[in-house]
């Protein structure tokens, strides 16, 4: 049987090594290339045309969502699974809108990882159960007319906010996300304006209140 060919992308070396180790133990699944950022992932996908690409949602140069959109546009036979620690409904929606075929939480086990890869390789869609539950709950709220407060921030702004709440200065945020300092400053200004919160302590409290970071982070 021809193996399912996978490109793996995550900016954390140990995470990549761990996922690769899990995949190498699976029958008929082969990791053919690894990338440390979204731009490199797109280049490798262009070169190797894998069946499945496993993309971390937050990477330098191109995020997993941005890379997924490019893959969906330029290399549609390659099916993308977004790897994420975020269970939020909006992140799942963003992944689907970007063209991803799967959304897998990073705390998933080996069995779920295998199930997700085999499902998307068959042309199906796979969402981690917890992510699917949040998505369905949001749909049900909408259908019932329940007024759910919309998230005022984009996924990128939420990521900048999380890093601010973790204590990173603007230059460090720019390095972490693979963007310019000027762009990081723009995201910071925009999220402050949207939240009408203009001091760091207030941003940290907001991030804790909305569950973006834990109180002891």
N, C-alpha and C. Protein backbone atom coordinates (compact mmCIF):
# COMPACT_ATOMS: atom_id res chain seq x y z
N UNK A 1 0.84 -1.20 0.00
CA UNK A 1 0.00 0.00 0.00
C UNK A 1 0.88 1.25 0.00
N UNK A 2 0.53 2.21 -0.83
CA UNK A 2 1.28 3.46 -0.88
C UNK A 2 1.05 4.25 0.40
N UNK A 3 2.12 4.68 1.07
CA UNK A 3 1.94 5.41 2.34
C UNK A 3 1.36 6.80 2.13
N UNK A 4 0.70 7.30 3.17
CA UNK A 4 0.23 8.68 3.18
C UNK A 4 1.44 9.56 3.45
N UNK A 5 1.74 10.46 2.53
CA UNK A 5 2.94 11.29 2.63
C UNK A 5 2.60 12.59 3.36
N UNK A 6 3.38 12.89 4.40
CA UNK A 6 3.06 14.00 5.29
C UNK A 6 4.22 14.99 5.38
N UNK A 7 3.90 16.28 5.30
CA UNK A 7 4.84 17.35 5.65
C UNK A 7 4.42 17.89 7.01
N UNK A 8 5.38 18.02 7.91
CA UNK A 8 5.13 18.45 9.28
C UNK A 8 5.78 19.80 9.52
N UNK A 9 5.02 20.76 10.06
CA UNK A 9 5.56 22.09 10.30
C UNK A 9 5.21 22.58 11.71
N UNK A 10 6.24 22.90 12.47
CA UNK A 10 6.08 23.48 13.81
C UNK A 10 7.38 24.19 14.14
N UNK A 11 7.30 25.37 14.74
CA UNK A 11 8.52 26.12 15.01
C UNK A 11 9.24 25.63 16.27
N UNK A 12 8.68 24.67 16.98
CA UNK A 12 9.34 24.11 18.16
C UNK A 12 9.95 22.76 17.80
N UNK A 13 11.27 22.67 17.87
CA UNK A 13 11.99 21.47 17.44
C UNK A 13 11.54 20.23 18.20
N UNK A 14 11.36 20.36 19.52
CA UNK A 14 10.96 19.20 20.32
C UNK A 14 9.55 18.72 19.98
N UNK A 15 8.66 19.68 19.69
CA UNK A 15 7.30 19.30 19.30
C UNK A 15 7.33 18.54 17.98
N UNK A 16 8.10 19.06 17.02
CA UNK A 16 8.22 18.36 15.74
C UNK A 16 8.77 16.95 15.92
N UNK A 17 9.79 16.85 16.75
CA UNK A 17 10.40 15.53 16.97
C UNK A 17 9.40 14.57 17.61
N UNK A 18 8.60 15.09 18.54
CA UNK A 18 7.62 14.24 19.19
C UNK A 18 6.54 13.76 18.25
N UNK A 19 6.01 14.69 17.44
CA UNK A 19 4.97 14.30 16.48
C UNK A 19 5.52 13.34 15.44
N UNK A 20 6.74 13.63 14.97
CA UNK A 20 7.35 12.74 13.98
C UNK A 20 7.54 11.33 14.55
N UNK A 21 7.96 11.25 15.80
CA UNK A 21 8.15 9.95 16.43
C UNK A 21 6.83 9.16 16.48
N UNK A 22 5.75 9.88 16.80
CA UNK A 22 4.43 9.22 16.83
C UNK A 22 4.04 8.73 15.44
N UNK A 23 4.28 9.56 14.43
CA UNK A 23 3.88 9.20 13.07
C UNK A 23 4.70 8.05 12.51
N UNK A 24 5.99 8.01 12.86
CA UNK A 24 6.86 6.96 12.34
C UNK A 24 6.46 5.58 12.86
N UNK A 25 5.72 5.57 13.97
CA UNK A 25 5.27 4.28 14.54
C UNK A 25 3.99 3.79 13.88
N UNK A 26 3.39 4.63 13.02
CA UNK A 26 2.12 4.27 12.39
C UNK A 26 2.34 3.62 11.04
N UNK A 27 1.50 2.67 10.73
CA UNK A 27 1.60 1.95 9.46
C UNK A 27 1.12 2.82 8.30
N UNK A 28 1.87 2.80 7.22
CA UNK A 28 1.47 3.46 5.97
C UNK A 28 1.36 4.98 6.09
N UNK A 29 2.10 5.58 7.01
CA UNK A 29 2.17 7.03 7.10
C UNK A 29 3.65 7.41 7.16
N UNK A 30 4.08 8.30 6.26
CA UNK A 30 5.49 8.66 6.18
C UNK A 30 5.67 10.17 6.21
N UNK A 31 6.51 10.65 7.14
CA UNK A 31 6.87 12.08 7.17
C UNK A 31 7.99 12.27 6.16
N UNK A 32 7.74 13.07 5.14
CA UNK A 32 8.72 13.23 4.06
C UNK A 32 9.52 14.52 4.18
N UNK A 33 9.06 15.46 5.01
CA UNK A 33 9.79 16.72 5.19
C UNK A 33 9.28 17.44 6.42
N UNK A 34 10.14 18.28 7.01
CA UNK A 34 9.79 19.06 8.18
C UNK A 34 10.13 20.53 7.93
N UNK A 35 9.31 21.42 8.52
CA UNK A 35 9.55 22.85 8.40
C UNK A 35 9.46 23.51 9.76
N UNK A 36 10.21 24.61 9.92
CA UNK A 36 10.23 25.33 11.19
C UNK A 36 9.41 26.62 11.14
N UNK A 37 8.86 26.95 9.97
CA UNK A 37 8.00 28.13 9.86
C UNK A 37 7.03 27.94 8.70
N UNK A 38 6.04 28.81 8.61
CA UNK A 38 5.00 28.65 7.61
C UNK A 38 5.48 28.82 6.18
N UNK A 39 6.42 29.74 5.97
CA UNK A 39 6.94 29.97 4.63
C UNK A 39 7.71 28.75 4.12
N UNK A 40 8.53 28.18 5.00
CA UNK A 40 9.27 26.97 4.63
C UNK A 40 8.31 25.83 4.35
N UNK A 41 7.22 25.75 5.12
CA UNK A 41 6.24 24.68 4.92
C UNK A 41 5.62 24.76 3.53
N UNK A 42 5.26 25.98 3.12
CA UNK A 42 4.66 26.14 1.78
C UNK A 42 5.67 25.73 0.70
N UNK A 43 6.94 26.12 0.89
CA UNK A 43 7.97 25.75 -0.09
C UNK A 43 8.12 24.23 -0.17
N UNK A 44 8.10 23.56 0.97
CA UNK A 44 8.25 22.10 0.98
C UNK A 44 7.03 21.42 0.35
N UNK A 45 5.86 21.98 0.60
CA UNK A 45 4.64 21.42 0.00
C UNK A 45 4.69 21.58 -1.51
N UNK A 46 5.19 22.72 -1.97
CA UNK A 46 5.34 22.95 -3.41
C UNK A 46 6.32 21.95 -4.03
N UNK A 47 7.37 21.63 -3.29
CA UNK A 47 8.40 20.73 -3.81
C UNK A 47 7.98 19.27 -3.77
N UNK A 48 7.29 18.87 -2.70
CA UNK A 48 7.01 17.44 -2.48
C UNK A 48 5.56 17.03 -2.78
N UNK A 49 4.65 17.98 -2.82
CA UNK A 49 3.23 17.70 -3.05
C UNK A 49 2.74 16.54 -2.18
N UNK A 50 2.80 16.69 -0.86
CA UNK A 50 2.37 15.61 0.03
C UNK A 50 0.86 15.42 0.01
N UNK A 51 0.42 14.32 0.58
CA UNK A 51 -1.01 14.07 0.72
C UNK A 51 -1.60 14.93 1.83
N UNK A 52 -0.84 15.09 2.92
CA UNK A 52 -1.33 15.80 4.10
C UNK A 52 -0.22 16.71 4.62
N UNK A 53 -0.60 17.91 5.07
CA UNK A 53 0.33 18.82 5.74
C UNK A 53 -0.19 19.07 7.15
N UNK A 54 0.63 18.81 8.15
CA UNK A 54 0.31 19.11 9.54
C UNK A 54 0.97 20.44 9.88
N UNK A 55 0.17 21.49 10.11
CA UNK A 55 0.70 22.83 10.30
C UNK A 55 0.32 23.38 11.67
N UNK A 56 1.33 23.78 12.44
CA UNK A 56 1.07 24.46 13.70
C UNK A 56 0.36 25.78 13.40
N UNK A 57 -0.60 26.15 14.23
CA UNK A 57 -1.39 27.35 13.96
C UNK A 57 -0.56 28.62 14.11
N UNK A 58 0.41 28.63 15.02
CA UNK A 58 1.24 29.81 15.27
C UNK A 58 2.69 29.52 14.90
N UNK A 59 3.14 30.11 13.78
CA UNK A 59 4.52 29.95 13.34
C UNK A 59 5.04 31.28 12.82
N UNK A 60 6.37 31.44 12.81
CA UNK A 60 6.96 32.65 12.23
C UNK A 60 6.76 32.71 10.72
N UNK A 61 6.92 33.91 10.18
CA UNK A 61 6.88 34.21 8.74
C UNK A 61 5.49 34.05 8.14
N UNK A 62 4.92 32.86 8.26
CA UNK A 62 3.51 32.65 7.90
C UNK A 62 2.89 31.82 9.01
N UNK A 63 1.73 32.22 9.49
CA UNK A 63 1.03 31.39 10.47
C UNK A 63 0.49 30.14 9.77
N UNK A 64 0.08 29.18 10.56
CA UNK A 64 -0.52 27.99 9.98
C UNK A 64 -1.76 28.31 9.15
N UNK A 65 -2.53 29.29 9.61
CA UNK A 65 -3.74 29.68 8.87
C UNK A 65 -3.38 30.32 7.53
N UNK A 66 -2.36 31.19 7.54
CA UNK A 66 -1.94 31.83 6.30
C UNK A 66 -1.35 30.80 5.34
N UNK A 67 -0.57 29.88 5.87
CA UNK A 67 0.00 28.82 5.03
C UNK A 67 -1.10 27.92 4.47
N UNK A 68 -2.10 27.61 5.30
CA UNK A 68 -3.21 26.77 4.84
C UNK A 68 -3.95 27.42 3.69
N UNK A 69 -4.15 28.72 3.77
CA UNK A 69 -4.85 29.44 2.70
C UNK A 69 -4.06 29.35 1.39
N UNK A 70 -2.75 29.47 1.48
CA UNK A 70 -1.92 29.38 0.27
C UNK A 70 -1.94 27.97 -0.31
N UNK A 71 -1.90 26.99 0.56
CA UNK A 71 -1.94 25.60 0.09
C UNK A 71 -3.27 25.30 -0.57
N UNK A 72 -4.36 25.75 0.05
CA UNK A 72 -5.69 25.52 -0.53
C UNK A 72 -5.81 26.17 -1.90
N UNK A 73 -5.17 27.32 -2.05
CA UNK A 73 -5.24 28.04 -3.33
C UNK A 73 -4.33 27.44 -4.40
N UNK A 74 -3.09 27.11 -4.00
CA UNK A 74 -2.08 26.72 -4.98
C UNK A 74 -1.87 25.21 -5.12
N UNK A 75 -2.14 24.46 -4.05
CA UNK A 75 -1.88 23.01 -4.07
C UNK A 75 -3.06 22.26 -3.46
N UNK A 76 -4.25 22.38 -4.04
CA UNK A 76 -5.46 21.82 -3.42
C UNK A 76 -5.44 20.32 -3.17
N UNK A 77 -4.65 19.51 -3.90
CA UNK A 77 -4.63 18.08 -3.56
C UNK A 77 -4.04 17.81 -2.17
N UNK A 78 -3.22 18.71 -1.65
CA UNK A 78 -2.67 18.54 -0.31
C UNK A 78 -3.69 18.97 0.72
N UNK A 79 -4.03 18.08 1.61
CA UNK A 79 -5.02 18.38 2.64
C UNK A 79 -4.31 18.85 3.91
N UNK A 80 -4.80 19.92 4.51
CA UNK A 80 -4.13 20.54 5.65
C UNK A 80 -4.87 20.23 6.95
N UNK A 81 -4.09 19.85 7.96
CA UNK A 81 -4.59 19.73 9.33
C UNK A 81 -3.89 20.79 10.16
N UNK A 82 -4.66 21.63 10.84
CA UNK A 82 -4.10 22.64 11.73
C UNK A 82 -3.89 22.02 13.10
N UNK A 83 -2.67 22.15 13.64
CA UNK A 83 -2.36 21.72 15.00
C UNK A 83 -2.46 22.93 15.92
N UNK A 84 -3.24 22.84 16.97
CA UNK A 84 -3.48 24.01 17.80
C UNK A 84 -3.70 23.64 19.26
N UNK A 85 -3.38 24.58 20.13
CA UNK A 85 -3.72 24.43 21.55
C UNK A 85 -5.03 25.14 21.86
N UNK A 86 -5.59 25.84 20.87
CA UNK A 86 -6.80 26.64 21.08
C UNK A 86 -8.05 25.85 20.73
N UNK A 87 -8.99 25.79 21.65
CA UNK A 87 -10.24 25.09 21.39
C UNK A 87 -11.34 26.06 21.00
N UNK A 88 -11.06 27.37 21.05
CA UNK A 88 -12.05 28.41 20.79
C UNK A 88 -12.74 28.23 19.44
N UNK A 89 -14.03 28.48 19.43
CA UNK A 89 -14.82 28.36 18.21
C UNK A 89 -14.25 29.19 17.08
N UNK A 90 -13.80 30.43 17.38
CA UNK A 90 -13.33 31.32 16.32
C UNK A 90 -12.09 30.78 15.63
N UNK A 91 -11.19 30.16 16.39
CA UNK A 91 -10.00 29.58 15.78
C UNK A 91 -10.38 28.45 14.82
N UNK A 92 -11.33 27.63 15.23
CA UNK A 92 -11.78 26.54 14.36
C UNK A 92 -12.40 27.09 13.09
N UNK A 93 -13.24 28.11 13.25
CA UNK A 93 -13.86 28.74 12.07
C UNK A 93 -12.80 29.33 11.14
N UNK A 94 -11.80 30.00 11.72
CA UNK A 94 -10.73 30.60 10.91
C UNK A 94 -9.99 29.51 10.13
N UNK A 95 -9.75 28.38 10.76
CA UNK A 95 -9.05 27.29 10.09
C UNK A 95 -9.86 26.76 8.91
N UNK A 96 -11.14 26.58 9.13
CA UNK A 96 -12.01 26.08 8.06
C UNK A 96 -12.09 27.10 6.93
N UNK A 97 -12.22 28.39 7.29
CA UNK A 97 -12.28 29.45 6.27
C UNK A 97 -10.98 29.50 5.47
N UNK A 98 -9.87 29.18 6.12
CA UNK A 98 -8.57 29.21 5.43
C UNK A 98 -8.40 28.03 4.47
N UNK A 99 -9.26 27.05 4.58
CA UNK A 99 -9.19 25.90 3.68
C UNK A 99 -8.67 24.63 4.31
N UNK A 100 -8.47 24.64 5.64
CA UNK A 100 -8.00 23.42 6.31
C UNK A 100 -9.07 22.34 6.29
N UNK A 101 -8.63 21.10 6.22
CA UNK A 101 -9.55 19.96 6.24
C UNK A 101 -9.64 19.34 7.63
N UNK A 102 -8.73 19.74 8.52
CA UNK A 102 -8.73 19.19 9.86
C UNK A 102 -8.25 20.20 10.88
N UNK A 103 -8.69 20.00 12.13
CA UNK A 103 -8.27 20.85 13.24
C UNK A 103 -8.04 19.92 14.41
N UNK A 104 -6.76 19.80 14.81
CA UNK A 104 -6.38 18.81 15.81
C UNK A 104 -5.72 19.51 16.99
N UNK A 105 -6.22 19.23 18.19
CA UNK A 105 -5.64 19.83 19.39
C UNK A 105 -4.32 19.14 19.73
N UNK A 106 -3.38 19.92 20.25
CA UNK A 106 -2.04 19.40 20.50
C UNK A 106 -1.99 18.38 21.64
N UNK A 107 -3.03 18.33 22.44
CA UNK A 107 -3.03 17.33 23.51
C UNK A 107 -3.72 16.03 23.07
N UNK A 108 -3.96 15.91 21.77
CA UNK A 108 -4.59 14.68 21.25
C UNK A 108 -3.62 13.51 21.36
N UNK A 109 -4.18 12.31 21.45
CA UNK A 109 -3.37 11.10 21.53
C UNK A 109 -3.01 10.57 20.15
N UNK A 110 -2.19 9.52 20.15
CA UNK A 110 -1.72 8.93 18.89
C UNK A 110 -2.88 8.41 18.04
N UNK A 111 -3.85 7.80 18.68
CA UNK A 111 -4.98 7.24 17.93
C UNK A 111 -5.75 8.34 17.20
N UNK A 112 -5.97 9.47 17.89
CA UNK A 112 -6.69 10.56 17.24
C UNK A 112 -5.86 11.17 16.12
N UNK A 113 -4.55 11.28 16.33
CA UNK A 113 -3.67 11.81 15.28
C UNK A 113 -3.77 10.94 14.03
N UNK A 114 -3.71 9.64 14.22
CA UNK A 114 -3.81 8.72 13.08
C UNK A 114 -5.18 8.83 12.42
N UNK A 115 -6.22 8.89 13.23
CA UNK A 115 -7.58 9.01 12.68
C UNK A 115 -7.73 10.26 11.84
N UNK A 116 -7.19 11.37 12.34
CA UNK A 116 -7.30 12.64 11.61
C UNK A 116 -6.58 12.57 10.28
N UNK A 117 -5.36 12.05 10.27
CA UNK A 117 -4.59 11.98 9.03
C UNK A 117 -5.27 11.09 8.01
N UNK A 118 -5.72 9.93 8.44
CA UNK A 118 -6.37 9.01 7.50
C UNK A 118 -7.68 9.60 6.98
N UNK A 119 -8.41 10.30 7.84
CA UNK A 119 -9.68 10.88 7.42
C UNK A 119 -9.48 11.95 6.34
N UNK A 120 -8.58 12.90 6.59
CA UNK A 120 -8.39 13.97 5.61
C UNK A 120 -7.76 13.44 4.33
N UNK A 121 -6.91 12.41 4.45
CA UNK A 121 -6.32 11.81 3.25
C UNK A 121 -7.40 11.18 2.37
N UNK A 122 -8.49 10.73 2.99
CA UNK A 122 -9.63 10.16 2.23
C UNK A 122 -10.54 11.24 1.66
N UNK A 123 -10.23 12.49 1.95
CA UNK A 123 -11.07 13.58 1.46
C UNK A 123 -12.13 14.02 2.45
N UNK A 124 -12.05 13.51 3.69
CA UNK A 124 -13.02 13.88 4.71
C UNK A 124 -12.50 15.06 5.54
N UNK A 125 -13.33 15.56 6.42
CA UNK A 125 -12.95 16.62 7.36
C UNK A 125 -12.88 16.03 8.75
N UNK A 126 -11.87 16.46 9.52
CA UNK A 126 -11.75 15.96 10.89
C UNK A 126 -11.54 17.12 11.85
N UNK A 127 -12.36 17.17 12.91
CA UNK A 127 -12.20 18.14 13.98
C UNK A 127 -12.06 17.39 15.30
N UNK A 128 -11.09 17.79 16.12
CA UNK A 128 -10.99 17.20 17.46
C UNK A 128 -12.33 17.32 18.16
N UNK A 129 -12.76 16.32 18.92
CA UNK A 129 -14.08 16.36 19.56
C UNK A 129 -14.33 17.63 20.37
N UNK A 130 -13.34 18.10 21.13
CA UNK A 130 -13.55 19.31 21.94
C UNK A 130 -13.77 20.52 21.05
N UNK A 131 -13.00 20.62 19.96
CA UNK A 131 -13.17 21.74 19.04
C UNK A 131 -14.52 21.66 18.34
N UNK A 132 -14.92 20.45 17.97
CA UNK A 132 -16.22 20.26 17.33
C UNK A 132 -17.36 20.65 18.26
N UNK A 133 -17.22 20.31 19.54
CA UNK A 133 -18.25 20.65 20.52
C UNK A 133 -18.42 22.16 20.62
N UNK A 134 -17.31 22.89 20.68
CA UNK A 134 -17.39 24.35 20.75
C UNK A 134 -18.02 24.93 19.49
N UNK A 135 -17.69 24.35 18.33
CA UNK A 135 -18.24 24.84 17.07
C UNK A 135 -19.74 24.61 17.02
N UNK A 136 -20.17 23.44 17.41
CA UNK A 136 -21.61 23.12 17.41
C UNK A 136 -22.35 23.99 18.42
N UNK A 137 -21.74 24.22 19.58
CA UNK A 137 -22.38 25.07 20.59
C UNK A 137 -22.58 26.48 20.06
N UNK A 138 -21.58 26.99 19.34
CA UNK A 138 -21.71 28.32 18.75
C UNK A 138 -22.82 28.37 17.71
N UNK A 139 -22.92 27.32 16.91
CA UNK A 139 -23.98 27.24 15.91
C UNK A 139 -25.36 27.20 16.57
N UNK A 140 -25.45 26.42 17.64
CA UNK A 140 -26.73 26.31 18.33
C UNK A 140 -27.14 27.64 18.97
N UNK A 141 -26.15 28.37 19.51
CA UNK A 141 -26.46 29.69 20.07
C UNK A 141 -26.99 30.61 18.99
N UNK A 142 -26.35 30.54 17.83
CA UNK A 142 -26.78 31.39 16.72
C UNK A 142 -28.19 31.03 16.26
N UNK A 143 -28.45 29.72 16.14
CA UNK A 143 -29.75 29.28 15.67
C UNK A 143 -30.86 29.60 16.67
N UNK A 144 -30.54 29.57 17.95
CA UNK A 144 -31.56 29.84 18.96
C UNK A 144 -31.75 31.34 19.20
N UNK A 145 -30.92 32.14 18.52
CA UNK A 145 -31.05 33.58 18.68
C UNK A 145 -30.40 34.12 19.92
N UNK A 146 -29.66 33.27 20.64
CA UNK A 146 -28.97 33.73 21.84
C UNK A 146 -27.90 34.73 21.45
N UNK A 147 -27.88 35.82 22.12
CA UNK A 147 -26.92 36.88 21.80
C UNK A 147 -25.58 36.57 22.44
N UNK A 148 -24.69 35.97 21.66
CA UNK A 148 -23.35 35.71 22.15
C UNK A 148 -22.46 36.88 21.79
N UNK A 149 -21.73 37.38 22.74
CA UNK A 149 -20.87 38.54 22.48
C UNK A 149 -19.80 38.15 21.48
N UNK A 150 -19.70 38.87 20.35
CA UNK A 150 -18.69 38.54 19.36
C UNK A 150 -17.30 38.85 19.88
N UNK A 151 -16.33 38.07 19.43
CA UNK A 151 -14.95 38.33 19.82
C UNK A 151 -14.49 39.57 19.07
N UNK A 152 -14.06 40.62 19.78
CA UNK A 152 -13.66 41.85 19.10
C UNK A 152 -12.31 41.76 18.42
N UNK A 153 -11.55 40.69 18.69
CA UNK A 153 -10.18 40.59 18.19
C UNK A 153 -10.06 39.53 17.11
N UNK A 154 -9.14 39.75 16.18
CA UNK A 154 -8.80 38.74 15.20
C UNK A 154 -7.90 37.69 15.86
N UNK A 155 -7.78 36.49 15.28
CA UNK A 155 -6.88 35.50 15.85
C UNK A 155 -5.46 36.01 16.04
N UNK A 156 -4.94 36.81 15.10
CA UNK A 156 -3.59 37.35 15.25
C UNK A 156 -3.51 38.32 16.43
N UNK A 157 -4.54 39.16 16.59
CA UNK A 157 -4.56 40.09 17.72
C UNK A 157 -4.65 39.33 19.04
N UNK A 158 -5.40 38.24 19.04
CA UNK A 158 -5.49 37.42 20.25
C UNK A 158 -4.14 36.80 20.59
N UNK A 159 -3.39 36.40 19.56
CA UNK A 159 -2.08 35.83 19.81
C UNK A 159 -1.13 36.90 20.37
N UNK A 160 -1.19 38.11 19.81
CA UNK A 160 -0.37 39.22 20.33
C UNK A 160 -0.75 39.51 21.77
N UNK A 161 -2.05 39.52 22.05
CA UNK A 161 -2.52 39.78 23.41
C UNK A 161 -2.01 38.70 24.36
N UNK A 162 -2.04 37.44 23.93
CA UNK A 162 -1.56 36.35 24.79
C UNK A 162 -0.09 36.55 25.12
N UNK A 163 0.69 36.94 24.13
CA UNK A 163 2.13 37.13 24.36
C UNK A 163 2.39 38.35 25.25
N UNK A 164 1.58 39.39 25.09
CA UNK A 164 1.70 40.56 25.98
C UNK A 164 1.41 40.12 27.41
N UNK A 165 0.34 39.33 27.58
CA UNK A 165 -0.04 38.88 28.92
C UNK A 165 1.01 37.96 29.53
N UNK A 166 1.79 37.30 28.68
CA UNK A 166 2.87 36.45 29.17
C UNK A 166 4.12 37.25 29.50
N UNK A 167 4.06 38.56 29.25
CA UNK A 167 5.16 39.43 29.65
C UNK A 167 6.18 39.73 28.57
N UNK A 168 5.92 39.36 27.33
CA UNK A 168 6.89 39.60 26.27
C UNK A 168 6.83 41.05 25.78
N UNK A 169 7.98 41.70 25.60
CA UNK A 169 7.99 43.05 25.01
C UNK A 169 7.73 42.97 23.51
N UNK A 170 7.49 44.11 22.89
CA UNK A 170 7.10 44.14 21.49
C UNK A 170 8.14 43.48 20.58
N UNK A 171 9.43 43.75 20.82
CA UNK A 171 10.46 43.16 19.96
C UNK A 171 10.44 41.63 20.07
N UNK A 172 10.24 41.11 21.26
CA UNK A 172 10.20 39.66 21.44
C UNK A 172 8.96 39.07 20.77
N UNK A 173 7.85 39.79 20.84
CA UNK A 173 6.62 39.34 20.17
C UNK A 173 6.85 39.27 18.67
N UNK A 174 7.50 40.29 18.12
CA UNK A 174 7.79 40.31 16.69
C UNK A 174 8.65 39.12 16.29
N UNK A 175 9.68 38.82 17.10
CA UNK A 175 10.54 37.67 16.79
C UNK A 175 9.76 36.36 16.88
N UNK A 176 8.93 36.22 17.92
CA UNK A 176 8.16 35.00 18.12
C UNK A 176 7.21 34.73 16.94
N UNK A 177 6.59 35.79 16.43
CA UNK A 177 5.60 35.63 15.36
C UNK A 177 6.20 35.76 13.97
N UNK A 178 7.50 36.10 13.89
CA UNK A 178 8.13 36.25 12.59
C UNK A 178 7.63 37.45 11.81
N UNK A 179 7.30 38.53 12.52
CA UNK A 179 6.81 39.75 11.88
C UNK A 179 7.73 40.90 12.29
N UNK A 180 7.57 42.05 11.62
CA UNK A 180 8.39 43.20 11.95
C UNK A 180 7.93 43.82 13.27
N UNK A 181 8.82 44.58 13.90
CA UNK A 181 8.46 45.28 15.13
C UNK A 181 7.33 46.26 14.84
N UNK A 182 7.39 46.91 13.70
CA UNK A 182 6.34 47.87 13.32
C UNK A 182 4.98 47.19 13.22
N UNK A 183 4.95 45.99 12.63
CA UNK A 183 3.68 45.25 12.52
C UNK A 183 3.19 44.83 13.89
N UNK A 184 4.10 44.37 14.74
CA UNK A 184 3.72 43.98 16.09
C UNK A 184 3.15 45.17 16.86
N UNK A 185 3.77 46.33 16.69
CA UNK A 185 3.27 47.54 17.35
C UNK A 185 1.88 47.90 16.83
N UNK A 186 1.67 47.70 15.53
CA UNK A 186 0.35 48.01 14.93
C UNK A 186 -0.72 47.09 15.51
N UNK A 187 -0.40 45.78 15.63
CA UNK A 187 -1.36 44.84 16.22
C UNK A 187 -1.67 45.24 17.66
N UNK A 188 -0.65 45.64 18.39
CA UNK A 188 -0.83 46.03 19.79
C UNK A 188 -1.73 47.26 19.89
N UNK A 189 -1.49 48.24 19.05
CA UNK A 189 -2.31 49.45 19.06
C UNK A 189 -3.75 49.14 18.69
N UNK A 190 -3.94 48.30 17.66
CA UNK A 190 -5.28 47.96 17.21
C UNK A 190 -6.07 47.22 18.27
N UNK A 191 -5.42 46.26 18.95
CA UNK A 191 -6.17 45.51 19.96
C UNK A 191 -6.50 46.39 21.17
N UNK A 192 -5.60 47.31 21.51
CA UNK A 192 -5.90 48.26 22.59
C UNK A 192 -7.10 49.13 22.23
N UNK A 193 -7.12 49.59 20.97
CA UNK A 193 -8.24 50.43 20.53
C UNK A 193 -9.55 49.64 20.53
N UNK A 194 -9.51 48.39 20.04
CA UNK A 194 -10.73 47.58 19.98
C UNK A 194 -11.28 47.27 21.37
N UNK A 195 -10.37 47.04 22.31
CA UNK A 195 -10.80 46.70 23.67
C UNK A 195 -11.00 47.94 24.54
N UNK A 196 -10.53 49.09 24.04
CA UNK A 196 -10.54 50.33 24.82
C UNK A 196 -9.81 50.13 26.15
N UNK A 197 -8.70 49.42 26.06
CA UNK A 197 -7.82 49.19 27.21
C UNK A 197 -6.42 49.66 26.79
N UNK A 198 -5.88 50.61 27.50
CA UNK A 198 -4.64 51.23 27.03
C UNK A 198 -3.48 51.09 28.02
N UNK A 199 -3.54 50.10 28.89
CA UNK A 199 -2.43 49.83 29.77
C UNK A 199 -2.28 48.32 29.95
N UNK A 200 -1.03 47.89 30.19
CA UNK A 200 -0.69 46.47 30.17
C UNK A 200 -1.45 45.68 31.22
N UNK A 201 -1.56 46.23 32.42
CA UNK A 201 -2.24 45.51 33.49
C UNK A 201 -3.68 45.19 33.09
N UNK A 202 -4.34 46.14 32.44
CA UNK A 202 -5.71 45.92 31.99
C UNK A 202 -5.79 44.84 30.92
N UNK A 203 -4.79 44.82 30.01
CA UNK A 203 -4.76 43.78 28.98
C UNK A 203 -4.57 42.40 29.61
N UNK A 204 -3.71 42.33 30.62
CA UNK A 204 -3.47 41.06 31.30
C UNK A 204 -4.76 40.58 31.98
N UNK A 205 -5.45 41.50 32.66
CA UNK A 205 -6.71 41.11 33.32
C UNK A 205 -7.73 40.63 32.29
N UNK A 206 -7.80 41.30 31.15
CA UNK A 206 -8.75 40.89 30.10
C UNK A 206 -8.38 39.49 29.58
N UNK A 207 -7.08 39.24 29.36
CA UNK A 207 -6.64 37.94 28.85
C UNK A 207 -6.98 36.82 29.83
N UNK A 208 -6.83 37.10 31.13
CA UNK A 208 -7.18 36.10 32.15
C UNK A 208 -8.69 35.90 32.20
N UNK A 209 -9.44 36.99 32.17
CA UNK A 209 -10.90 36.91 32.26
C UNK A 209 -11.52 36.14 31.11
N UNK A 210 -10.93 36.26 29.92
CA UNK A 210 -11.48 35.58 28.74
C UNK A 210 -10.87 34.20 28.53
N UNK A 211 -9.98 33.78 29.44
CA UNK A 211 -9.40 32.45 29.35
C UNK A 211 -8.26 32.30 28.36
N UNK A 212 -7.74 33.44 27.89
CA UNK A 212 -6.63 33.38 26.92
C UNK A 212 -5.35 32.91 27.59
N UNK A 213 -5.16 33.30 28.85
CA UNK A 213 -4.04 32.80 29.66
C UNK A 213 -4.57 32.44 31.02
N UNK A 214 -3.85 31.58 31.72
CA UNK A 214 -4.24 31.22 33.07
C UNK A 214 -3.75 32.27 34.06
N UNK A 215 -4.39 32.37 35.18
CA UNK A 215 -4.05 33.40 36.16
C UNK A 215 -2.64 33.27 36.66
N UNK A 216 -2.08 32.06 36.64
CA UNK A 216 -0.72 31.88 37.13
C UNK A 216 0.32 31.87 36.04
N UNK A 217 -0.07 32.23 34.76
CA UNK A 217 0.90 32.28 33.67
C UNK A 217 1.88 33.42 33.93
